[in-house]
N, C-alpha and C. Protein backbone atom coordinates (compact mmCIF):
# COMPACT_ATOMS: atom_id res chain seq x y z
N UNK A 1 -89.74 -36.02 -25.47
CA UNK A 1 -90.98 -36.49 -26.72
C UNK A 1 -90.32 -35.92 -28.14
N UNK A 2 -90.53 -36.80 -29.14
CA UNK A 2 -90.69 -36.26 -30.32
C UNK A 2 -91.61 -36.45 -31.36
N UNK A 3 -92.16 -35.57 -31.79
CA UNK A 3 -93.48 -35.57 -32.48
C UNK A 3 -94.72 -36.14 -31.98
N UNK A 4 -94.62 -35.71 -30.54
CA UNK A 4 -95.72 -36.30 -29.61
C UNK A 4 -95.75 -37.90 -28.89
N UNK A 5 -94.40 -38.97 -29.28
CA UNK A 5 -94.30 -40.19 -28.96
C UNK A 5 -93.46 -40.28 -27.86
N UNK A 6 -93.13 -41.10 -26.86
CA UNK A 6 -92.22 -41.29 -25.92
C UNK A 6 -90.78 -41.93 -26.74
N UNK A 7 -89.64 -41.45 -26.23
CA UNK A 7 -88.56 -42.16 -26.93
C UNK A 7 -88.36 -43.25 -26.62
N UNK A 8 -88.03 -43.13 -24.91
CA UNK A 8 -87.62 -44.19 -24.25
C UNK A 8 -88.11 -43.71 -23.14
N UNK A 9 -87.83 -44.66 -22.04
CA UNK A 9 -88.30 -45.26 -20.56
C UNK A 9 -86.87 -45.93 -19.70
N UNK A 10 -86.93 -45.32 -18.67
CA UNK A 10 -85.61 -46.13 -18.09
C UNK A 10 -86.31 -46.29 -16.46
N UNK A 11 -86.28 -47.56 -16.17
CA UNK A 11 -86.30 -48.14 -15.10
C UNK A 11 -85.55 -47.96 -13.93
N UNK A 12 -85.23 -46.60 -13.45
CA UNK A 12 -83.92 -46.30 -12.59
C UNK A 12 -83.69 -47.37 -11.51
N UNK A 13 -84.71 -47.73 -10.90
CA UNK A 13 -84.08 -48.29 -9.48
C UNK A 13 -84.22 -49.83 -9.83
N UNK A 14 -84.78 -50.64 -11.23
CA UNK A 14 -84.68 -51.98 -11.54
C UNK A 14 -83.00 -51.46 -12.24
N UNK A 15 -82.22 -50.67 -12.99
CA UNK A 15 -81.26 -50.70 -13.57
C UNK A 15 -79.85 -50.11 -12.43
N UNK A 16 -80.22 -49.81 -11.12
CA UNK A 16 -79.31 -49.48 -10.28
C UNK A 16 -79.29 -51.23 -9.63
N UNK A 17 -80.44 -51.68 -9.38
CA UNK A 17 -80.55 -53.15 -8.82
C UNK A 17 -79.83 -53.87 -9.86
N UNK A 18 -79.81 -53.93 -11.16
CA UNK A 18 -79.27 -55.07 -11.69
C UNK A 18 -77.75 -54.78 -11.86
N UNK A 19 -77.58 -53.46 -11.62
CA UNK A 19 -76.21 -53.01 -11.53
C UNK A 19 -75.08 -53.35 -10.19
N UNK A 20 -75.95 -53.38 -9.43
CA UNK A 20 -75.73 -54.12 -8.05
C UNK A 20 -75.41 -55.83 -7.88
N UNK A 21 -76.34 -56.04 -8.36
CA UNK A 21 -76.34 -57.71 -8.76
C UNK A 21 -75.24 -57.90 -9.70
N UNK A 22 -74.66 -57.41 -10.33
CA UNK A 22 -73.79 -57.72 -11.40
C UNK A 22 -74.37 -58.30 -12.43
N UNK A 23 -75.37 -57.89 -12.78
CA UNK A 23 -76.10 -57.99 -13.95
C UNK A 23 -75.86 -57.39 -15.27
N UNK A 24 -75.34 -55.90 -15.17
CA UNK A 24 -74.70 -55.10 -16.52
C UNK A 24 -73.37 -55.22 -16.50
N UNK A 25 -72.80 -55.56 -17.63
CA UNK A 25 -71.40 -55.43 -18.10
C UNK A 25 -70.97 -54.23 -18.22
N UNK A 26 -70.26 -53.68 -17.75
CA UNK A 26 -69.47 -52.42 -17.66
C UNK A 26 -68.62 -51.85 -16.38
N UNK A 27 -67.78 -51.16 -17.17
CA UNK A 27 -66.68 -50.59 -16.01
C UNK A 27 -67.45 -50.38 -14.59
N UNK A 28 -66.21 -49.82 -13.60
CA UNK A 28 -66.54 -49.13 -12.38
C UNK A 28 -67.50 -48.17 -12.89
N UNK A 29 -66.19 -47.08 -13.43
CA UNK A 29 -66.84 -45.84 -13.90
C UNK A 29 -67.87 -45.89 -14.42
N UNK A 30 -68.24 -46.62 -15.50
CA UNK A 30 -69.57 -46.63 -15.84
C UNK A 30 -70.51 -46.43 -15.31
N UNK A 31 -70.64 -47.76 -14.36
CA UNK A 31 -71.54 -48.08 -13.25
C UNK A 31 -71.43 -46.67 -12.68
N UNK A 32 -70.59 -45.89 -11.76
CA UNK A 32 -70.95 -44.37 -11.82
C UNK A 32 -71.82 -43.78 -12.14
N UNK A 33 -71.50 -43.48 -13.51
CA UNK A 33 -71.92 -42.83 -14.23
C UNK A 33 -73.66 -43.22 -14.13
N UNK A 34 -73.98 -44.35 -14.28
CA UNK A 34 -75.41 -44.88 -14.52
C UNK A 34 -76.27 -44.49 -12.88
N UNK A 35 -75.27 -44.78 -11.88
CA UNK A 35 -75.55 -44.41 -10.32
C UNK A 35 -76.11 -43.19 -10.28
N UNK A 36 -74.96 -42.10 -10.59
CA UNK A 36 -75.11 -40.72 -10.73
C UNK A 36 -76.44 -40.13 -11.49
N UNK A 37 -76.44 -40.80 -12.74
CA UNK A 37 -77.80 -40.53 -13.95
C UNK A 37 -79.38 -40.97 -13.11
N UNK A 38 -78.96 -41.89 -11.98
CA UNK A 38 -80.60 -42.33 -11.57
C UNK A 38 -80.28 -41.38 -10.48
N UNK A 39 -79.58 -40.88 -9.38
CA UNK A 39 -79.70 -40.40 -8.87
C UNK A 39 -80.06 -38.89 -9.21
N UNK A 40 -79.33 -38.26 -10.64
CA UNK A 40 -80.44 -36.74 -10.61
C UNK A 40 -81.84 -37.39 -11.15
N UNK A 41 -81.84 -38.09 -12.13
CA UNK A 41 -83.41 -38.70 -13.00
C UNK A 41 -84.48 -38.81 -11.55
N UNK A 42 -83.92 -39.76 -10.47
CA UNK A 42 -84.99 -40.48 -9.73
C UNK A 42 -84.96 -40.41 -8.25
N UNK A 43 -83.97 -39.44 -8.16
CA UNK A 43 -83.50 -39.30 -6.65
C UNK A 43 -82.98 -40.28 -5.65
N UNK A 44 -82.30 -41.62 -6.49
CA UNK A 44 -82.00 -42.60 -6.16
C UNK A 44 -80.70 -42.30 -5.46
N UNK A 45 -80.13 -42.43 -4.11
CA UNK A 45 -79.37 -42.11 -3.59
C UNK A 45 -77.90 -42.75 -4.23
N UNK A 46 -76.83 -41.87 -3.93
CA UNK A 46 -75.65 -42.33 -4.86
C UNK A 46 -74.78 -41.91 -3.60
N UNK A 47 -73.48 -42.51 -3.39
CA UNK A 47 -72.55 -42.16 -2.33
C UNK A 47 -71.66 -41.49 -3.64
N UNK A 48 -71.59 -40.30 -3.69
CA UNK A 48 -70.89 -39.15 -4.38
C UNK A 48 -69.20 -39.33 -4.46
N UNK A 49 -68.91 -39.20 -3.08
CA UNK A 49 -67.51 -39.42 -2.99
C UNK A 49 -66.96 -40.73 -3.09
N UNK A 50 -67.64 -41.68 -3.26
CA UNK A 50 -66.78 -42.97 -3.81
C UNK A 50 -67.29 -43.01 -5.41
N UNK A 51 -68.59 -42.90 -5.75
CA UNK A 51 -68.52 -42.66 -7.58
C UNK A 51 -67.50 -41.45 -7.95
N UNK A 52 -67.23 -40.09 -7.15
CA UNK A 52 -66.46 -39.11 -8.34
C UNK A 52 -64.94 -39.57 -8.15
N UNK A 53 -64.82 -40.27 -7.07
CA UNK A 53 -63.34 -40.50 -7.03
C UNK A 53 -63.25 -41.78 -7.71
N UNK A 54 -64.02 -42.74 -8.73
CA UNK A 54 -64.17 -43.70 -9.70
C UNK A 54 -63.93 -43.14 -10.76
N UNK A 55 -64.13 -42.04 -11.09
CA UNK A 55 -64.65 -41.74 -12.45
C UNK A 55 -63.60 -41.61 -13.07
N UNK A 56 -63.03 -42.13 -14.81
CA UNK A 56 -62.40 -41.51 -15.61
C UNK A 56 -62.89 -40.24 -16.44
N UNK A 57 -61.49 -39.83 -17.08
CA UNK A 57 -61.24 -38.56 -17.61
C UNK A 57 -62.70 -38.41 -18.40
N UNK A 58 -63.18 -38.84 -19.33
CA UNK A 58 -64.15 -38.94 -20.36
C UNK A 58 -65.51 -39.07 -19.22
N UNK A 59 -65.65 -39.97 -18.21
CA UNK A 59 -67.42 -39.73 -17.59
C UNK A 59 -67.28 -38.62 -16.71
N UNK A 60 -66.04 -37.93 -16.13
CA UNK A 60 -66.22 -36.91 -15.71
C UNK A 60 -66.74 -35.66 -16.14
N UNK A 61 -66.48 -35.61 -17.54
CA UNK A 61 -66.85 -34.60 -18.32
C UNK A 61 -68.35 -35.28 -18.70
N UNK A 62 -68.74 -36.42 -18.78
CA UNK A 62 -70.39 -36.63 -19.31
C UNK A 62 -71.13 -36.48 -17.62
N UNK A 63 -70.46 -36.38 -16.58
CA UNK A 63 -71.31 -36.20 -15.48
C UNK A 63 -71.32 -34.43 -15.36
N UNK A 64 -70.41 -33.95 -15.54
CA UNK A 64 -70.16 -32.53 -15.58
C UNK A 64 -71.60 -32.12 -16.55
N UNK A 65 -71.56 -32.84 -17.48
CA UNK A 65 -72.41 -32.01 -18.84
C UNK A 65 -74.05 -32.70 -18.19
N UNK A 66 -74.09 -33.56 -17.30
CA UNK A 66 -75.38 -33.76 -17.21
C UNK A 66 -75.86 -32.99 -15.90
N UNK A 67 -74.89 -32.88 -14.92
CA UNK A 67 -75.40 -32.12 -13.73
C UNK A 67 -75.72 -30.31 -14.57
N UNK A 68 -75.02 -30.07 -15.26
CA UNK A 68 -74.91 -28.49 -15.86
C UNK A 68 -76.72 -28.63 -16.41
N UNK A 69 -76.71 -29.56 -17.18
CA UNK A 69 -77.84 -30.11 -17.69
C UNK A 69 -79.36 -30.08 -16.84
N UNK A 70 -79.07 -30.74 -15.79
CA UNK A 70 -80.00 -30.60 -15.07
C UNK A 70 -80.20 -29.38 -14.25
N UNK A 71 -79.12 -28.74 -14.30
CA UNK A 71 -79.53 -27.36 -13.57
C UNK A 71 -79.97 -26.29 -14.41
N UNK A 72 -80.37 -26.88 -15.52
CA UNK A 72 -80.88 -25.85 -16.84
C UNK A 72 -79.77 -25.20 -17.74
N UNK A 73 -78.69 -25.35 -17.55
CA UNK A 73 -77.43 -25.10 -18.54
C UNK A 73 -77.73 -25.33 -19.90
N UNK A 74 -78.49 -24.86 -20.94
CA UNK A 74 -78.72 -24.91 -22.37
C UNK A 74 -78.61 -23.99 -22.91
N UNK A 75 -78.10 -24.15 -24.09
CA UNK A 75 -77.91 -23.09 -25.39
C UNK A 75 -79.07 -22.78 -25.91
N UNK A 76 -79.40 -22.20 -26.71
CA UNK A 76 -80.32 -22.32 -27.76
C UNK A 76 -81.12 -23.03 -28.51
N UNK A 77 -79.90 -24.43 -28.68
CA UNK A 77 -80.14 -25.23 -29.50
C UNK A 77 -80.59 -26.76 -28.70
N UNK A 78 -80.67 -26.33 -27.24
CA UNK A 78 -80.73 -27.26 -26.62
C UNK A 78 -79.72 -28.00 -26.10
N UNK A 79 -78.34 -27.85 -25.93
CA UNK A 79 -77.07 -28.48 -26.18
C UNK A 79 -76.58 -27.69 -24.19
N UNK A 80 -76.18 -28.82 -23.72
CA UNK A 80 -75.78 -28.38 -22.44
C UNK A 80 -74.70 -27.35 -22.81
N UNK A 81 -74.51 -26.22 -22.01
CA UNK A 81 -73.09 -25.26 -22.26
C UNK A 81 -72.20 -25.69 -20.97
């Protein structure tokens, strides 16, 4: 929240459902990032073995940063370290 207002809301179950139905244009790696994010944010089950082996180098970095952030690893400026 910034200034007391909601910035964005993600319907994680709907996003994963749309991904599974082919309704989102993305690479396999990008789809796995979405699945992992949905798991972290909303507890939606994900096959980590499949997803982690599918990620490209850039998306591995994003997933690592998201996991660190979810675990509370943030700097003074709020950035994930």
